[in-house]
C-alpha atoms as a PDB file:
ATOM      1  CA  MET A   1     -16.342  35.290 -25.723  1.00  0.00           C
ATOM      2  CA  ARG A   2     -12.743  34.330 -23.972  1.00  0.00           C
ATOM      3  CA  THR A   3     -11.373  30.830 -24.595  1.00  0.00           C
ATOM      4  CA  VAL A   4      -8.950  29.124 -22.652  1.00  0.00           C
ATOM      5  CA  SER A   5      -7.706  26.117 -25.146  1.00  0.00           C
ATOM      6  CA  GLY A   6      -4.054  26.283 -24.011  1.00  0.00           C
ATOM      7  CA  ASN A   7      -4.485  25.501 -19.895  1.00  0.00           C
ATOM      8  CA  SER A   8      -7.240  23.665 -21.138  1.00  0.00           C
ATOM      9  CA  SER A   9      -6.146  21.098 -21.952  1.00  0.00           C
ATOM     10  CA  PHE A  10      -3.633  20.992 -18.947  1.00  0.00           C
ATOM     11  CA  TYR A  11      -6.508  21.324 -16.106  1.00  0.00           C
ATOM     12  CA  VAL A  12      -7.916  17.389 -18.211  1.00  0.00           C
ATOM     13  CA  CYS A  13      -4.203  16.513 -18.125  1.00  0.00           C
ATOM     14  CA  CYS A  14      -4.400  17.106 -14.135  1.00  0.00           C
ATOM     15  CA  LEU A  15      -7.838  16.471 -13.347  1.00  0.00           C
ATOM     16  CA  ALA A  16      -7.716  13.257 -14.981  1.00  0.00           C
ATOM     17  CA  PHE A  17      -3.812  12.596 -13.093  1.00  0.00           C
ATOM     18  CA  LEU A  18      -5.519  12.942  -9.120  1.00  0.00           C
ATOM     19  CA  CYS A  19      -9.323  10.745 -10.712  1.00  0.00           C
ATOM     20  CA  PHE A  20      -6.482   8.258 -11.771  1.00  0.00           C
ATOM     21  CA  PHE A  21      -4.594   8.008  -8.152  1.00  0.00           C
ATOM     22  CA  ALA A  22      -8.161   8.631  -6.064  1.00  0.00           C
ATOM     23  CA  GLY A  23      -9.773   6.076  -7.066  1.00  0.00           C
ATOM     24  CA  CYS A  24      -6.879   3.411  -7.604  1.00  0.00           C
ATOM     25  CA  HIS A  25      -5.575   3.754  -4.631  1.00  0.00           C
ATOM     26  CA  VAL A  26      -5.027   0.720  -2.515  1.00  0.00           C
ATOM     27  CA  GLN A  27      -4.395   1.229   1.294  1.00  0.00           C
ATOM     28  CA  LYS A  28      -1.437  -1.510   2.808  1.00  0.00           C
ATOM     29  CA  GLY A  29      -1.083  -2.820   5.505  1.00  0.00           C
ATOM     30  CA  PRO A  30      -1.064  -2.152   8.565  1.00  0.00           C
ATOM     31  CA  TYR A  31      -4.562  -3.224   8.570  1.00  0.00           C
ATOM     32  CA  ASN A  32      -7.405  -1.938  10.983  1.00  0.00           C
ATOM     33  CA  SER A  33      -8.186  -5.215  12.823  1.00  0.00           C
ATOM     34  CA  ARG A  34     -10.743  -3.197  14.570  1.00  0.00           C
ATOM     35  CA  GLU A  35     -12.821  -1.833  12.020  1.00  0.00           C
ATOM     36  CA  LEU A  36     -12.751  -5.441  10.702  1.00  0.00           C
ATOM     37  CA  GLN A  37     -14.130  -7.236  13.997  1.00  0.00           C
ATOM     38  CA  LYS A  38     -16.675  -4.121  13.796  1.00  0.00           C
ATOM     39  CA  TYR A  39     -17.601  -5.555  10.499  1.00  0.00           C
ATOM     40  CA  VAL A  40     -18.186  -9.169  11.706  1.00  0.00           C
ATOM     41  CA  HIS A  41     -20.070  -9.040  14.951  1.00  0.00           C
ATOM     42  CA  ARG A  42     -22.756  -6.590  13.375  1.00  0.00           C
ATOM     43  CA  LEU A  43     -23.033  -9.676  10.911  1.00  0.00           C
ATOM     44  CA  GLN A  44     -22.722 -12.211  13.376  1.00  0.00           C
ATOM     45  CA  GLY A  45     -23.110 -10.561  16.939  1.00  0.00           C
ATOM     46  CA  GLY A  46     -21.696 -13.825  19.013  1.00  0.00           C
ATOM     47  CA  PHE A  47     -18.857 -12.578  17.213  1.00  0.00           C
ATOM     48  CA  ARG A  48     -15.178 -13.232  18.938  1.00  0.00           C
ATOM     49  CA  MET A  49     -11.360 -13.264  16.813  1.00  0.00           C
ATOM     50  CA  GLU A  50      -9.797 -14.927  18.865  1.00  0.00           C
ATOM     51  CA  ASP A  51     -12.313 -17.997  17.962  1.00  0.00           C
ATOM     52  CA  TYR A  52     -11.097 -18.192  14.042  1.00  0.00           C
ATOM     53  CA  LYS A  53      -7.553 -18.686  12.696  1.00  0.00           C
ATOM     54  CA  ALA A  54      -8.470 -16.238   9.361  1.00  0.00           C
ATOM     55  CA  ILE A  55     -12.005 -15.296   7.344  1.00  0.00           C
ATOM     56  CA  VAL A  56     -12.582 -16.019   3.922  1.00  0.00           C
ATOM     57  CA  TYR A  57     -14.129 -14.309   1.797  1.00  0.00           C
ATOM     58  CA  LEU A  58     -15.231 -15.113  -1.188  1.00  0.00           C
ATOM     59  CA  SER A  59     -16.694 -12.391  -3.698  1.00  0.00           C
ATOM     60  CA  GLU A  60     -17.877 -12.282  -7.962  1.00  0.00           C
ATOM     61  CA  ASN A  61     -15.547  -9.738  -7.833  1.00  0.00           C
ATOM     62  CA  THR A  62     -12.572  -9.509  -9.827  1.00  0.00           C
ATOM     63  CA  CYS A  63     -11.919 -12.845 -11.715  1.00  0.00           C
ATOM     64  CA  PRO A  64     -14.505 -15.416 -12.230  1.00  0.00           C
ATOM     65  CA  SER A  65     -13.257 -18.298 -13.509  1.00  0.00           C
ATOM     66  CA  CYS A  66     -10.316 -17.538  -9.697  1.00  0.00           C
ATOM     67  CA  ASN A  67     -13.714 -17.215  -8.181  1.00  0.00           C
ATOM     68  CA  HIS A  68     -15.330 -20.104  -9.376  1.00  0.00           C
ATOM     69  CA  ALA A  69     -12.332 -22.125  -8.208  1.00  0.00           C
ATOM     70  CA  PHE A  70     -12.229 -19.788  -5.418  1.00  0.00           C
ATOM     71  CA  SER A  71     -15.433 -20.814  -4.254  1.00  0.00           C
ATOM     72  CA  GLN A  72     -15.073 -25.198  -4.941  1.00  0.00           C
ATOM     73  CA  ALA A  73     -12.095 -25.266  -2.714  1.00  0.00           C
ATOM     74  CA  VAL A  74     -13.537 -23.083  -0.212  1.00  0.00           C
ATOM     75  CA  GLY A  75     -16.849 -25.178   0.012  1.00  0.00           C
ATOM     76  CA  GLN A  76     -14.138 -27.911   0.634  1.00  0.00           C
ATOM     77  CA  TYR A  77     -11.548 -26.997   2.797  1.00  0.00           C
ATOM     78  CA  ALA A  78     -13.434 -24.045   4.372  1.00  0.00           C
ATOM     79  CA  LEU A  79     -17.158 -25.561   5.414  1.00  0.00           C
ATOM     80  CA  GLY A  80     -15.745 -27.740   7.419  1.00  0.00           C
ATOM     81  CA  ASN A  81     -13.347 -25.749   9.264  1.00  0.00           C
ATOM     82  CA  ASP A  82     -15.001 -23.835  12.837  1.00  0.00           C
ATOM     83  CA  SER A  83     -10.717 -22.144  13.084  1.00  0.00           C
ATOM     84  CA  LEU A  84     -11.926 -20.556   9.627  1.00  0.00           C
ATOM     85  CA  LEU A  85     -14.621 -17.499   9.689  1.00  0.00           C
ATOM     86  CA  VAL A  86     -16.562 -17.645   5.523  1.00  0.00           C
ATOM     87  CA  ILE A  87     -18.034 -14.639   4.521  1.00  0.00           C
ATOM     88  CA  VAL A  88     -20.167 -15.150   0.957  1.00  0.00           C
ATOM     89  CA  ASN A  89     -20.897 -11.885  -0.997  1.00  0.00           C
ATOM     90  CA  ALA A  90     -22.156 -13.048  -4.113  1.00  0.00           C
ATOM     91  CA  LYS A  91     -24.773 -14.444  -5.880  1.00  0.00           C
ATOM     92  CA  GLY A  92     -24.243 -17.367  -7.613  1.00  0.00           C
ATOM     93  CA  ARG A  93     -23.859 -16.344 -10.649  1.00  0.00           C
ATOM     94  CA  THR A  94     -19.997 -16.910 -11.446  1.00  0.00           C
ATOM     95  CA  MET A  95     -19.795 -19.623  -8.973  1.00  0.00           C
ATOM     96  CA  ASN A  96     -22.515 -22.442  -8.206  1.00  0.00           C
ATOM     97  CA  LEU A  97     -23.715 -21.850  -4.105  1.00  0.00           C
ATOM     98  CA  THR A  98     -25.644 -24.884  -3.645  1.00  0.00           C
ATOM     99  CA  PRO A  99     -22.795 -26.439  -0.952  1.00  0.00           C
ATOM    100  CA  TYR A 100     -23.721 -22.683   0.998  1.00  0.00           C
ATOM    101  CA  TRP A 101     -27.326 -22.811   0.463  1.00  0.00           C
ATOM    102  CA  GLU A 102     -27.066 -26.463   2.707  1.00  0.00           C
ATOM    103  CA  TYR A 103     -24.929 -25.394   4.926  1.00  0.00           C
ATOM    104  CA  ASP A 104     -25.882 -25.416   8.851  1.00  0.00           C
ATOM    105  CA  GLY A 105     -22.422 -24.252  10.354  1.00  0.00           C
ATOM    106  CA  LYS A 106     -22.148 -21.647  12.570  1.00  0.00           C
ATOM    107  CA  ASN A 107     -18.538 -20.749  10.662  1.00  0.00           C
ATOM    108  CA  LEU A 108     -21.136 -18.984   7.693  1.00  0.00           C
ATOM    109  CA  ILE A 109     -22.390 -15.528   7.117  1.00  0.00           C
ATOM    110  CA  PHE A 110     -23.819 -14.102   3.771  1.00  0.00           C
ATOM    111  CA  ASP A 111     -23.290 -10.998   3.231  1.00  0.00           C
ATOM    112  CA  TYR A 112     -24.958  -8.865   0.401  1.00  0.00           C
ATOM    113  CA  THR A 113     -23.944  -4.909   1.219  1.00  0.00           C
ATOM    114  CA  ASP A 114     -20.907  -3.458   0.175  1.00  0.00           C
ATOM    115  CA  ASN A 115     -19.870  -3.322   3.880  1.00  0.00           C
ATOM    116  CA  PHE A 116     -16.473  -5.221   3.391  1.00  0.00           C
ATOM    117  CA  LEU A 117     -15.853  -3.337   0.356  1.00  0.00           C
ATOM    118  CA  ARG A 118     -15.691  -0.450   2.856  1.00  0.00           C
ATOM    119  CA  LEU A 119     -12.986  -1.614   5.156  1.00  0.00           C
ATOM    120  CA  ARG A 120     -10.540  -1.773   2.248  1.00  0.00           C
ATOM    121  CA  LEU A 121      -9.049  -4.709   2.739  1.00  0.00           C
ATOM    122  CA  SER A 122      -9.252  -6.098  -0.938  1.00  0.00           C
ATOM    123  CA  THR A 123     -12.107  -6.296  -3.132  1.00  0.00           C
ATOM    124  CA  GLY A 124     -12.698  -8.879  -4.103  1.00  0.00           C
ATOM    125  CA  SER A 125     -11.814 -12.436  -2.683  1.00  0.00           C
ATOM    126  CA  CYS A 126      -9.222 -13.064  -0.256  1.00  0.00           C
ATOM    127  CA  ILE A 127      -7.886 -15.072   3.180  1.00  0.00           C
ATOM    128  CA  ILE A 128      -7.308 -12.452   5.328  1.00  0.00           C
ATOM    129  CA  LEU A 129      -5.065 -14.534   8.166  1.00  0.00           C
ATOM    130  CA  LEU A 130      -5.622 -13.485  12.324  1.00  0.00           C
ATOM    131  CA  LYS A 131      -2.699 -14.104  14.867  1.00  0.00           C
ATOM    132  CA  GLU A 132      -3.473 -12.675  18.209  1.00  0.00           C
ATOM    133  CA  CYS A 133      -7.252 -11.400  17.420  1.00  0.00           C
ATOM    134  CA  GLN A 134      -5.246  -8.906  15.010  1.00  0.00           C
ATOM    135  CA  ILE A 135      -5.117  -8.974  10.714  1.00  0.00           C
ATOM    136  CA  ASP A 136      -1.357 -10.723  10.508  1.00  0.00           C
ATOM    137  CA  ASN A 137      -1.444 -10.435   6.378  1.00  0.00           C
ATOM    138  CA  VAL A 138      -4.408 -11.028   4.214  1.00  0.00           C
ATOM    139  CA  VAL A 139      -3.787 -12.931   0.864  1.00  0.00           C
ATOM    140  CA  PHE A 140      -5.968 -11.382  -2.561  1.00  0.00           C
ATOM    141  CA  ILE A 141      -6.988 -14.516  -5.010  1.00  0.00           C
ATOM    142  CA  GLN A 142      -5.469 -13.688  -8.586  1.00  0.00           C
ATOM    143  CA  PRO A 143      -4.980 -15.947 -11.338  1.00  0.00           C
ATOM    144  CA  ASP A 144      -1.164 -15.645 -10.675  1.00  0.00           C
ATOM    145  CA  ASN A 145      -1.696 -17.363  -6.936  1.00  0.00           C
ATOM    146  CA  LEU A 146      -4.681 -19.962  -7.108  1.00  0.00           C
ATOM    147  CA  ASP A 147      -3.058 -23.451  -6.476  1.00  0.00           C
ATOM    148  CA  ASP A 148      -1.249 -21.556  -3.674  1.00  0.00           C
ATOM    149  CA  SER A 149      -3.904 -19.463  -2.483  1.00  0.00           C
ATOM    150  CA  VAL A 150      -6.478 -23.351  -2.929  1.00  0.00           C
ATOM    151  CA  ASP A 151      -2.864 -24.867  -1.468  1.00  0.00           C
ATOM    152  CA  TYR A 152      -2.415 -22.488   2.118  1.00  0.00           C
ATOM    153  CA  LEU A 153      -6.524 -22.831   2.013  1.00  0.00           C
ATOM    154  CA  LYS A 154      -6.442 -26.694   2.324  1.00  0.00           C
ATOM    155  CA  HIS A 155      -3.577 -26.575   5.077  1.00  0.00           C
ATOM    156  CA  LEU A 156      -5.671 -24.053   7.735  1.00  0.00           C
END
């Protein structure tokens, strides 16, 4: 029986290194505006990117307390703002979605697929800022910028 104990630890290290970087790679801009437009058009047939200043994506991924606070702010500041498109990818486990379920505006879409994640814009709640039908910037909702993000949302 042949063993390769000396080399096996090297191979294990290499495999772990590759898995770490393959699993944790996050694509930074430039963002693919065309793919975002296709995604939203599949959700909302008459979607025109030029009708919106921003897309607010609400998810239960990542920080639960951040998402809870952000969902309250989105309900208060974004639902009535027709220049913001709100996409909800949440089931209400960590946030109250009653205002969303009761809202009857054209700027709200529910999406329970993982198709948004495939765009690689964000893994959790975010604000996608649009400029001239292109993605200008993405604001990620995190504990260290929650207050600034909510304040920014108020002024959109």
